[in-house]
């Protein structure tokens, strides 16, 4: 029987041969590309989440402002307020002939 001589191969040389071989290089390149794309998509997702939260907060502020304006409008159009404004501006109650009903 013949005896084989075992050669000591460095790990770095083995990795170089694997990564730069015709089978290993496309795999490593694909893995690196997928990793970079994953990070980019994750960053874009976080950025979009910040924008969505900002838009939601603006919507909430607008809704609160809308409620306040509706309350102010209701207060200004109340009969008590309209009567007090009419007396301040020397207005009289309309007669029956002055009232026109629009169908």
C-alpha atoms as a PDB file:
ATOM      1  CA  UNK A   1       0.000   0.000   0.000  1.00  0.00           C
ATOM      2  CA  UNK A   2       1.124   3.371  -0.785  1.00  0.00           C
ATOM      3  CA  UNK A   3       1.084   6.035   1.771  1.00  0.00           C
ATOM      4  CA  UNK A   4      -0.203   9.419   0.950  1.00  0.00           C
ATOM      5  CA  UNK A   5       1.572  12.486   2.006  1.00  0.00           C
ATOM      6  CA  UNK A   6      -0.809  14.855   3.697  1.00  0.00           C
ATOM      7  CA  UNK A   7      -0.249  18.428   2.766  1.00  0.00           C
ATOM      8  CA  UNK A   8      -1.155  21.138   5.173  1.00  0.00           C
ATOM      9  CA  UNK A   9      -3.401  23.596   3.433  1.00  0.00           C
ATOM     10  CA  UNK A  10      -4.010  26.909   5.081  1.00  0.00           C
ATOM     11  CA  UNK A  11      -7.598  27.888   5.734  1.00  0.00           C
ATOM     12  CA  UNK A  12      -7.127  31.232   4.006  1.00  0.00           C
ATOM     13  CA  UNK A  13      -5.912  29.496   0.856  1.00  0.00           C
ATOM     14  CA  UNK A  14      -8.882  27.125   0.972  1.00  0.00           C
ATOM     15  CA  UNK A  15     -11.298  30.062   1.341  1.00  0.00           C
ATOM     16  CA  UNK A  16      -9.649  31.900  -1.542  1.00  0.00           C
ATOM     17  CA  UNK A  17      -9.916  28.853  -3.738  1.00  0.00           C
ATOM     18  CA  UNK A  18     -13.560  28.378  -2.789  1.00  0.00           C
ATOM     19  CA  UNK A  19     -14.699  31.987  -3.181  1.00  0.00           C
ATOM     20  CA  UNK A  20     -12.830  32.663  -6.394  1.00  0.00           C
ATOM     21  CA  UNK A  21     -13.635  29.372  -8.070  1.00  0.00           C
ATOM     22  CA  UNK A  22     -16.159  29.102 -10.876  1.00  0.00           C
ATOM     23  CA  UNK A  23     -18.779  27.750  -8.450  1.00  0.00           C
ATOM     24  CA  UNK A  24     -18.037  29.791  -5.360  1.00  0.00           C
ATOM     25  CA  UNK A  25     -17.716  33.265  -6.846  1.00  0.00           C
ATOM     26  CA  UNK A  26     -21.280  33.524  -8.221  1.00  0.00           C
ATOM     27  CA  UNK A  27     -22.648  32.180  -4.935  1.00  0.00           C
ATOM     28  CA  UNK A  28     -20.685  34.649  -2.827  1.00  0.00           C
ATOM     29  CA  UNK A  29     -21.577  37.504  -5.173  1.00  0.00           C
ATOM     30  CA  UNK A  30     -25.262  36.546  -4.988  1.00  0.00           C
ATOM     31  CA  UNK A  31     -25.132  36.365  -1.196  1.00  0.00           C
ATOM     32  CA  UNK A  32     -23.460  39.775  -0.932  1.00  0.00           C
ATOM     33  CA  UNK A  33     -25.986  41.332  -3.340  1.00  0.00           C
ATOM     34  CA  UNK A  34     -28.946  39.886  -1.434  1.00  0.00           C
ATOM     35  CA  UNK A  35     -27.471  41.121   1.862  1.00  0.00           C
ATOM     36  CA  UNK A  36     -27.038  44.653   0.535  1.00  0.00           C
ATOM     37  CA  UNK A  37     -30.553  44.673  -0.927  1.00  0.00           C
ATOM     38  CA  UNK A  38     -31.987  43.440   2.380  1.00  0.00           C
ATOM     39  CA  UNK A  39     -30.326  46.300   4.256  1.00  0.00           C
ATOM     40  CA  UNK A  40     -31.493  48.857   1.681  1.00  0.00           C
ATOM     41  CA  UNK A  41     -35.100  47.619   1.744  1.00  0.00           C
ATOM     42  CA  UNK A  42     -35.076  47.612   5.544  1.00  0.00           C
ATOM     43  CA  UNK A  43     -33.804  51.203   5.620  1.00  0.00           C
ATOM     44  CA  UNK A  44     -36.458  52.268   3.103  1.00  0.00           C
ATOM     45  CA  UNK A  45     -39.135  50.563   5.208  1.00  0.00           C
ATOM     46  CA  UNK A  46     -38.039  52.438   8.321  1.00  0.00           C
ATOM     47  CA  UNK A  47     -37.959  55.720   6.385  1.00  0.00           C
ATOM     48  CA  UNK A  48     -41.474  55.131   5.057  1.00  0.00           C
ATOM     49  CA  UNK A  49     -42.673  54.265   8.567  1.00  0.00           C
ATOM     50  CA  UNK A  50     -41.393  57.625   9.818  1.00  0.00           C
ATOM     51  CA  UNK A  51     -43.232  59.413   7.002  1.00  0.00           C
ATOM     52  CA  UNK A  52     -46.460  57.513   7.711  1.00  0.00           C
ATOM     53  CA  UNK A  53     -46.253  58.436  11.398  1.00  0.00           C
ATOM     54  CA  UNK A  54     -45.656  62.078  10.477  1.00  0.00           C
ATOM     55  CA  UNK A  55     -48.679  62.122   8.154  1.00  0.00           C
ATOM     56  CA  UNK A  56     -50.834  60.442  10.815  1.00  0.00           C
ATOM     57  CA  UNK A  57     -49.866  63.078  13.377  1.00  0.00           C
ATOM     58  CA  UNK A  58     -50.725  65.842  10.893  1.00  0.00           C
ATOM     59  CA  UNK A  59     -54.116  64.205  10.281  1.00  0.00           C
ATOM     60  CA  UNK A  60     -54.793  64.058  14.021  1.00  0.00           C
ATOM     61  CA  UNK A  61     -53.889  67.749  14.395  1.00  0.00           C
ATOM     62  CA  UNK A  62     -56.161  68.662  11.483  1.00  0.00           C
ATOM     63  CA  UNK A  63     -59.046  66.673  12.962  1.00  0.00           C
ATOM     64  CA  UNK A  64     -58.653  68.418  16.321  1.00  0.00           C
ATOM     65  CA  UNK A  65     -58.519  71.822  14.626  1.00  0.00           C
ATOM     66  CA  UNK A  66     -61.606  70.911  12.579  1.00  0.00           C
ATOM     67  CA  UNK A  67     -63.519  69.981  15.758  1.00  0.00           C
ATOM     68  CA  UNK A  68     -62.517  73.261  17.405  1.00  0.00           C
ATOM     69  CA  UNK A  69     -63.609  75.268  14.359  1.00  0.00           C
ATOM     70  CA  UNK A  70     -66.960  73.452  14.208  1.00  0.00           C
ATOM     71  CA  UNK A  71     -67.539  74.213  17.885  1.00  0.00           C
ATOM     72  CA  UNK A  72     -66.648  77.871  17.319  1.00  0.00           C
ATOM     73  CA  UNK A  73     -69.014  78.035  14.323  1.00  0.00           C
ATOM     74  CA  UNK A  74     -71.840  76.475  16.346  1.00  0.00           C
ATOM     75  CA  UNK A  75     -71.262  78.998  19.130  1.00  0.00           C
ATOM     76  CA  UNK A  76     -71.288  81.947  16.715  1.00  0.00           C
ATOM     77  CA  UNK A  77     -74.455  80.714  14.970  1.00  0.00           C
ATOM     78  CA  UNK A  78     -76.370  80.047  18.180  1.00  0.00           C
ATOM     79  CA  UNK A  79     -79.689  81.901  18.498  1.00  0.00           C
ATOM     80  CA  UNK A  80     -78.559  83.577  21.714  1.00  0.00           C
ATOM     81  CA  UNK A  81     -75.445  84.983  20.035  1.00  0.00           C
ATOM     82  CA  UNK A  82     -77.340  86.025  16.881  1.00  0.00           C
ATOM     83  CA  UNK A  83     -79.974  87.864  18.965  1.00  0.00           C
ATOM     84  CA  UNK A  84     -77.286  89.708  20.940  1.00  0.00           C
ATOM     85  CA  UNK A  85     -75.515  90.696  17.708  1.00  0.00           C
ATOM     86  CA  UNK A  86     -78.846  91.893  16.263  1.00  0.00           C
ATOM     87  CA  UNK A  87     -79.479  94.151  19.256  1.00  0.00           C
ATOM     88  CA  UNK A  88     -75.913  95.506  19.078  1.00  0.00           C
ATOM     89  CA  UNK A  89     -76.441  96.473  15.420  1.00  0.00           C
ATOM     90  CA  UNK A  90     -79.976  97.818  15.946  1.00  0.00           C
ATOM     91  CA  UNK A  91     -81.685  95.136  13.863  1.00  0.00           C
ATOM     92  CA  UNK A  92     -85.368  94.287  14.212  1.00  0.00           C
ATOM     93  CA  UNK A  93     -87.262  91.033  13.865  1.00  0.00           C
ATOM     94  CA  UNK A  94     -88.453  90.518  10.260  1.00  0.00           C
ATOM     95  CA  UNK A  95     -92.157  90.784   9.556  1.00  0.00           C
ATOM     96  CA  UNK A  96     -94.104  87.906   8.042  1.00  0.00           C
ATOM     97  CA  UNK A  97     -93.978  89.556   4.595  1.00  0.00           C
ATOM     98  CA  UNK A  98     -90.185  89.796   4.682  1.00  0.00           C
ATOM     99  CA  UNK A  99     -89.683  86.075   5.257  1.00  0.00           C
ATOM    100  CA  UNK A 100     -89.366  84.117   2.010  1.00  0.00           C
ATOM    101  CA  UNK A 101     -89.379  80.332   2.118  1.00  0.00           C
ATOM    102  CA  UNK A 102     -87.316  78.775  -0.657  1.00  0.00           C
ATOM    103  CA  UNK A 103     -88.464  75.239  -1.561  1.00  0.00           C
END
